[in-house]
PDB file of all heavy atoms in Angstrom:
ATOM      1  N   TYR A   1      21.309 -25.084   7.809  1.00  0.00           N
ATOM      2  CA  TYR A   1      21.300 -23.663   7.992  1.00  0.00           C
ATOM      3  C   TYR A   1      22.448 -22.984   7.135  1.00  0.00           C
ATOM      4  O   TYR A   1      22.168 -21.923   6.538  1.00  0.00           O
ATOM      5  CB  TYR A   1      21.449 -23.227   9.446  1.00  0.00           C
ATOM      6  CG  TYR A   1      20.186 -23.299  10.180  1.00  0.00           C
ATOM      7  CD1 TYR A   1      19.572 -24.613  10.549  1.00  0.00           C
ATOM      8  CD2 TYR A   1      19.414 -22.123  10.471  1.00  0.00           C
ATOM      9  CE1 TYR A   1      18.503 -24.629  11.158  1.00  0.00           C
ATOM     10  CE2 TYR A   1      18.183 -22.295  11.098  1.00  0.00           C
ATOM     11  CZ  TYR A   1      17.710 -23.470  11.514  1.00  0.00           C
ATOM     12  OH  TYR A   1      16.441 -23.507  12.176  1.00  0.00           O
ATOM     13  N   LEU A   2      23.593 -23.612   7.076  1.00  0.00           N
ATOM     14  CA  LEU A   2      24.641 -23.101   6.205  1.00  0.00           C
ATOM     15  C   LEU A   2      24.314 -23.165   4.776  1.00  0.00           C
ATOM     16  O   LEU A   2      24.591 -22.181   3.996  1.00  0.00           O
ATOM     17  CB  LEU A   2      26.024 -23.961   6.456  1.00  0.00           C
ATOM     18  CG  LEU A   2      27.200 -23.490   5.626  1.00  0.00           C
ATOM     19  CD1 LEU A   2      27.515 -22.045   5.923  1.00  0.00           C
ATOM     20  CD2 LEU A   2      28.380 -24.410   5.932  1.00  0.00           C
ATOM     21  N   ASN A   3      23.658 -24.191   4.334  1.00  0.00           N
ATOM     22  CA  ASN A   3      23.140 -24.333   2.966  1.00  0.00           C
ATOM     23  C   ASN A   3      22.094 -23.192   2.622  1.00  0.00           C
ATOM     24  O   ASN A   3      22.179 -22.709   1.534  1.00  0.00           O
ATOM     25  CB  ASN A   3      22.440 -25.724   2.813  1.00  0.00           C
ATOM     26  CG  ASN A   3      22.115 -25.974   1.323  1.00  0.00           C
ATOM     27  OD1 ASN A   3      22.898 -25.877   0.468  1.00  0.00           O
ATOM     28  ND2 ASN A   3      20.849 -26.325   1.120  1.00  0.00           N
ATOM     29  N   VAL A   4      21.266 -22.940   3.606  1.00  0.00           N
ATOM     30  CA  VAL A   4      20.275 -21.799   3.314  1.00  0.00           C
ATOM     31  C   VAL A   4      20.966 -20.513   3.226  1.00  0.00           C
ATOM     32  O   VAL A   4      20.586 -19.716   2.302  1.00  0.00           O
ATOM     33  CB  VAL A   4      19.400 -21.768   4.583  1.00  0.00           C
ATOM     34  CG1 VAL A   4      18.624 -20.435   4.607  1.00  0.00           C
ATOM     35  CG2 VAL A   4      18.397 -22.974   4.498  1.00  0.00           C
ATOM     36  N   MET A   5      21.953 -20.225   4.054  1.00  0.00           N
ATOM     37  CA  MET A   5      22.740 -18.828   3.986  1.00  0.00           C
ATOM     38  C   MET A   5      23.455 -18.721   2.600  1.00  0.00           C
ATOM     39  O   MET A   5      23.487 -17.756   1.974  1.00  0.00           O
ATOM     40  CB  MET A   5      23.685 -18.760   5.054  1.00  0.00           C
ATOM     41  CG  MET A   5      22.958 -18.731   6.441  1.00  0.00           C
ATOM     42  SD  MET A   5      24.098 -18.863   7.813  1.00  0.00           S
ATOM     43  CE  MET A   5      24.989 -17.374   7.698  1.00  0.00           C
ATOM     44  N   VAL A   6      24.117 -19.912   2.231  1.00  0.00           N
ATOM     45  CA  VAL A   6      24.949 -19.881   0.957  1.00  0.00           C
ATOM     46  C   VAL A   6      23.996 -19.613  -0.264  1.00  0.00           C
ATOM     47  O   VAL A   6      24.383 -18.890  -1.168  1.00  0.00           O
ATOM     48  CB  VAL A   6      25.687 -21.147   0.869  1.00  0.00           C
ATOM     49  CG1 VAL A   6      26.355 -21.303  -0.549  1.00  0.00           C
ATOM     50  CG2 VAL A   6      26.812 -21.296   1.808  1.00  0.00           C
ATOM     51  N   LEU A   7      22.811 -20.089  -0.294  1.00  0.00           N
ATOM     52  CA  LEU A   7      21.989 -20.071  -1.418  1.00  0.00           C
ATOM     53  C   LEU A   7      21.124 -18.890  -1.445  1.00  0.00           C
ATOM     54  O   LEU A   7      20.449 -18.555  -2.462  1.00  0.00           O
ATOM     55  CB  LEU A   7      21.113 -21.318  -1.532  1.00  0.00           C
ATOM     56  CG  LEU A   7      21.828 -22.676  -1.780  1.00  0.00           C
ATOM     57  CD1 LEU A   7      20.917 -23.799  -1.804  1.00  0.00           C
ATOM     58  CD2 LEU A   7      22.560 -22.553  -3.194  1.00  0.00           C
ATOM     59  N   SER A   8      21.016 -18.108  -0.389  1.00  0.00           N
ATOM     60  CA  SER A   8      20.025 -17.055  -0.338  1.00  0.00           C
ATOM     61  C   SER A   8      20.679 -15.578  -0.211  1.00  0.00           C
ATOM     62  O   SER A   8      19.954 -14.560  -0.437  1.00  0.00           O
ATOM     63  CB  SER A   8      19.100 -17.214   0.885  1.00  0.00           C
ATOM     64  OG  SER A   8      19.759 -17.227   2.108  1.00  0.00           O
ATOM     65  N   TRP A   9      21.857 -15.507   0.039  1.00  0.00           N
ATOM     66  CA  TRP A   9      22.475 -14.196   0.260  1.00  0.00           C
ATOM     67  C   TRP A   9      22.588 -13.349  -1.043  1.00  0.00           C
ATOM     68  O   TRP A   9      22.449 -12.101  -0.974  1.00  0.00           O
ATOM     69  CB  TRP A   9      23.939 -14.347   0.931  1.00  0.00           C
ATOM     70  CG  TRP A   9      24.959 -14.910  -0.105  1.00  0.00           C
ATOM     71  CD1 TRP A   9      25.211 -16.183  -0.255  1.00  0.00           C
ATOM     72  CD2 TRP A   9      25.848 -14.219  -0.909  1.00  0.00           C
ATOM     73  NE1 TRP A   9      26.243 -16.332  -1.219  1.00  0.00           N
ATOM     74  CE2 TRP A   9      26.547 -15.106  -1.589  1.00  0.00           C
ATOM     75  CE3 TRP A   9      26.008 -12.763  -1.294  1.00  0.00           C
ATOM     76  CZ2 TRP A   9      27.581 -14.755  -2.642  1.00  0.00           C
ATOM     77  CZ3 TRP A   9      26.990 -12.425  -2.209  1.00  0.00           C
ATOM     78  CH2 TRP A   9      27.759 -13.432  -2.879  1.00  0.00           C
ATOM     79  N   LYS A  10      22.648 -13.979  -2.200  1.00  0.00           N
ATOM     80  CA  LYS A  10      22.662 -13.224  -3.476  1.00  0.00           C
ATOM     81  C   LYS A  10      21.361 -12.503  -3.780  1.00  0.00           C
ATOM     82  O   LYS A  10      21.401 -11.331  -4.107  1.00  0.00           O
ATOM     83  CB  LYS A  10      23.048 -14.131  -4.605  1.00  0.00           C
ATOM     84  CG  LYS A  10      24.524 -14.544  -4.598  1.00  0.00           C
ATOM     85  CD  LYS A  10      24.871 -15.308  -5.865  1.00  0.00           C
ATOM     86  CE  LYS A  10      26.320 -15.743  -5.767  1.00  0.00           C
ATOM     87  NZ  LYS A  10      26.701 -16.507  -7.103  1.00  0.00           N
ATOM     88  N   SER A  11      20.278 -13.191  -3.542  1.00  0.00           N
ATOM     89  CA  SER A  11      18.970 -12.517  -3.813  1.00  0.00           C
ATOM     90  C   SER A  11      18.760 -11.306  -2.731  1.00  0.00           C
ATOM     91  O   SER A  11      18.123 -10.325  -3.152  1.00  0.00           O
ATOM     92  CB  SER A  11      17.855 -13.563  -3.726  1.00  0.00           C
ATOM     93  OG  SER A  11      17.826 -14.152  -2.488  1.00  0.00           O
ATOM     94  N   ALA A  12      19.280 -11.557  -1.458  1.00  0.00           N
ATOM     95  CA  ALA A  12      19.085 -10.425  -0.544  1.00  0.00           C
ATOM     96  C   ALA A  12      19.877  -9.273  -0.924  1.00  0.00           C
ATOM     97  O   ALA A  12      19.493  -8.071  -0.801  1.00  0.00           O
ATOM     98  CB  ALA A  12      19.572 -10.975   0.787  1.00  0.00           C
ATOM     99  N   LEU A  13      21.080  -9.461  -1.620  1.00  0.00           N
ATOM    100  CA  LEU A  13      21.933  -8.353  -2.108  1.00  0.00           C
ATOM    101  C   LEU A  13      21.217  -7.681  -3.164  1.00  0.00           C
ATOM    102  O   LEU A  13      21.321  -6.394  -3.230  1.00  0.00           O
ATOM    103  CB  LEU A  13      23.264  -8.964  -2.628  1.00  0.00           C
ATOM    104  CG  LEU A  13      24.405  -9.125  -1.683  1.00  0.00           C
ATOM    105  CD1 LEU A  13      25.589  -9.566  -2.530  1.00  0.00           C
ATOM    106  CD2 LEU A  13      24.741  -7.966  -0.902  1.00  0.00           C
ATOM    107  N   CYS A  14      20.486  -8.303  -4.035  1.00  0.00           N
ATOM    108  CA  CYS A  14      19.688  -7.584  -5.091  1.00  0.00           C
ATOM    109  C   CYS A  14      18.683  -6.616  -4.524  1.00  0.00           C
ATOM    110  O   CYS A  14      18.561  -5.437  -4.970  1.00  0.00           O
ATOM    111  CB  CYS A  14      19.041  -8.585  -6.011  1.00  0.00           C
ATOM    112  SG  CYS A  14      20.257  -9.617  -6.888  1.00  0.00           S
ATOM    113  N   ILE A  15      17.939  -7.094  -3.489  1.00  0.00           N
ATOM    114  CA  ILE A  15      16.917  -6.173  -2.928  1.00  0.00           C
ATOM    115  C   ILE A  15      17.694  -5.070  -2.176  1.00  0.00           C
ATOM    116  O   ILE A  15      17.205  -3.946  -2.217  1.00  0.00           O
ATOM    117  CB  ILE A  15      16.065  -7.067  -1.939  1.00  0.00           C
ATOM    118  CG1 ILE A  15      15.372  -8.191  -2.723  1.00  0.00           C
ATOM    119  CG2 ILE A  15      15.117  -6.131  -1.157  1.00  0.00           C
ATOM    120  CD1 ILE A  15      14.520  -9.042  -1.787  1.00  0.00           C
ATOM    121  N   GLY A  16      18.742  -5.359  -1.508  1.00  0.00           N
ATOM    122  CA  GLY A  16      19.587  -4.413  -0.831  1.00  0.00           C
ATOM    123  C   GLY A  16      20.018  -3.291  -1.631  1.00  0.00           C
ATOM    124  O   GLY A  16      20.052  -2.055  -1.227  1.00  0.00           O
ATOM    125  N   SER A  17      20.440  -3.566  -2.874  1.00  0.00           N
ATOM    126  CA  SER A  17      20.909  -2.517  -3.769  1.00  0.00           C
ATOM    127  C   SER A  17      19.889  -1.501  -4.108  1.00  0.00           C
ATOM    128  O   SER A  17      20.046  -0.295  -4.221  1.00  0.00           O
ATOM    129  CB  SER A  17      21.441  -3.145  -5.038  1.00  0.00           C
ATOM    130  OG  SER A  17      20.401  -3.818  -5.857  1.00  0.00           O
ATOM    131  N   LEU A  18      18.549  -1.933  -4.228  1.00  0.00           N
ATOM    132  CA  LEU A  18      17.479  -1.015  -4.550  1.00  0.00           C
ATOM    133  C   LEU A  18      17.184  -0.257  -3.271  1.00  0.00           C
ATOM    134  O   LEU A  18      16.704   0.925  -3.361  1.00  0.00           O
ATOM    135  CB  LEU A  18      16.235  -1.722  -5.119  1.00  0.00           C
ATOM    136  CG  LEU A  18      16.467  -2.364  -6.478  1.00  0.00           C
ATOM    137  CD1 LEU A  18      15.288  -3.289  -6.763  1.00  0.00           C
ATOM    138  CD2 LEU A  18      16.475  -1.336  -7.498  1.00  0.00           C
ATOM    139  N   ALA A  19      17.261  -0.958  -2.088  1.00  0.00           N
ATOM    140  CA  ALA A  19      17.044  -0.199  -0.856  1.00  0.00           C
ATOM    141  C   ALA A  19      18.026   0.918  -0.684  1.00  0.00           C
ATOM    142  O   ALA A  19      17.762   2.022  -0.208  1.00  0.00           O
ATOM    143  CB  ALA A  19      17.198  -1.225   0.382  1.00  0.00           C
ATOM    144  N   PHE A  20      19.279   0.702  -1.054  1.00  0.00           N
ATOM    145  CA  PHE A  20      20.321   1.782  -1.073  1.00  0.00           C
ATOM    146  C   PHE A  20      19.964   2.918  -1.938  1.00  0.00           C
ATOM    147  O   PHE A  20      20.030   4.061  -1.545  1.00  0.00           O
ATOM    148  CB  PHE A  20      21.648   1.149  -1.582  1.00  0.00           C
ATOM    149  CG  PHE A  20      22.822   2.194  -1.602  1.00  0.00           C
ATOM    150  CD1 PHE A  20      23.620   2.485  -0.613  1.00  0.00           C
ATOM    151  CD2 PHE A  20      22.997   2.861  -2.815  1.00  0.00           C
ATOM    152  CE1 PHE A  20      24.607   3.286  -0.622  1.00  0.00           C
ATOM    153  CE2 PHE A  20      23.973   3.759  -2.959  1.00  0.00           C
ATOM    154  CZ  PHE A  20      24.859   4.068  -1.783  1.00  0.00           C
ATOM    155  N   LEU A  21      19.375   2.607  -3.158  1.00  0.00           N
ATOM    156  CA  LEU A  21      19.085   3.661  -4.128  1.00  0.00           C
ATOM    157  C   LEU A  21      17.865   4.560  -3.565  1.00  0.00           C
ATOM    158  O   LEU A  21      18.074   5.733  -3.530  1.00  0.00           O
ATOM    159  CB  LEU A  21      18.630   3.016  -5.444  1.00  0.00           C
ATOM    160  CG  LEU A  21      18.034   3.991  -6.502  1.00  0.00           C
ATOM    161  CD1 LEU A  21      18.981   5.051  -6.868  1.00  0.00           C
ATOM    162  CD2 LEU A  21      17.600   3.226  -7.699  1.00  0.00           C
ATOM    163  N   TYR A  22      16.806   3.907  -3.070  1.00  0.00           N
ATOM    164  CA  TYR A  22      15.686   4.791  -2.696  1.00  0.00           C
ATOM    165  C   TYR A  22      16.034   5.597  -1.394  1.00  0.00           C
ATOM    166  O   TYR A  22      15.414   6.616  -1.153  1.00  0.00           O
ATOM    167  CB  TYR A  22      14.405   4.016  -2.632  1.00  0.00           C
ATOM    168  CG  TYR A  22      14.170   3.261  -1.310  1.00  0.00           C
ATOM    169  CD1 TYR A  22      13.729   3.906  -0.185  1.00  0.00           C
ATOM    170  CD2 TYR A  22      14.320   1.952  -1.274  1.00  0.00           C
ATOM    171  CE1 TYR A  22      13.444   3.268   0.913  1.00  0.00           C
ATOM    172  CE2 TYR A  22      14.035   1.228  -0.043  1.00  0.00           C
ATOM    173  CZ  TYR A  22      13.585   1.931   1.042  1.00  0.00           C
ATOM    174  OH  TYR A  22      13.393   1.301   2.288  1.00  0.00           O
ATOM    175  N   THR A  23      16.784   4.956  -0.600  1.00  0.00           N
ATOM    176  CA  THR A  23      17.250   5.573   0.705  1.00  0.00           C
ATOM    177  C   THR A  23      18.041   6.896   0.435  1.00  0.00           C
ATOM    178  O   THR A  23      17.812   7.949   0.928  1.00  0.00           O
ATOM    179  CB  THR A  23      18.052   4.664   1.559  1.00  0.00           C
ATOM    180  OG1 THR A  23      17.312   3.618   1.922  1.00  0.00           O
ATOM    181  CG2 THR A  23      18.530   5.378   2.853  1.00  0.00           C
ATOM    182  N   VAL A  24      18.944   6.791  -0.526  1.00  0.00           N
ATOM    183  CA  VAL A  24      19.887   7.898  -0.937  1.00  0.00           C
ATOM    184  C   VAL A  24      18.896   8.997  -1.571  1.00  0.00           C
ATOM    185  O   VAL A  24      19.086  10.163  -1.228  1.00  0.00           O
ATOM    186  CB  VAL A  24      20.993   7.473  -1.885  1.00  0.00           C
ATOM    187  CG1 VAL A  24      21.680   8.724  -2.490  1.00  0.00           C
ATOM    188  CG2 VAL A  24      21.959   6.705  -1.180  1.00  0.00           C
TER     189      VAL A  24
END
């Protein structure tokens, strides 16, 4: 589970940045 978190958080950040944009 730690390996999954370490390897997947960056791609989630990329999606989150676009979520921030359209929300604003």
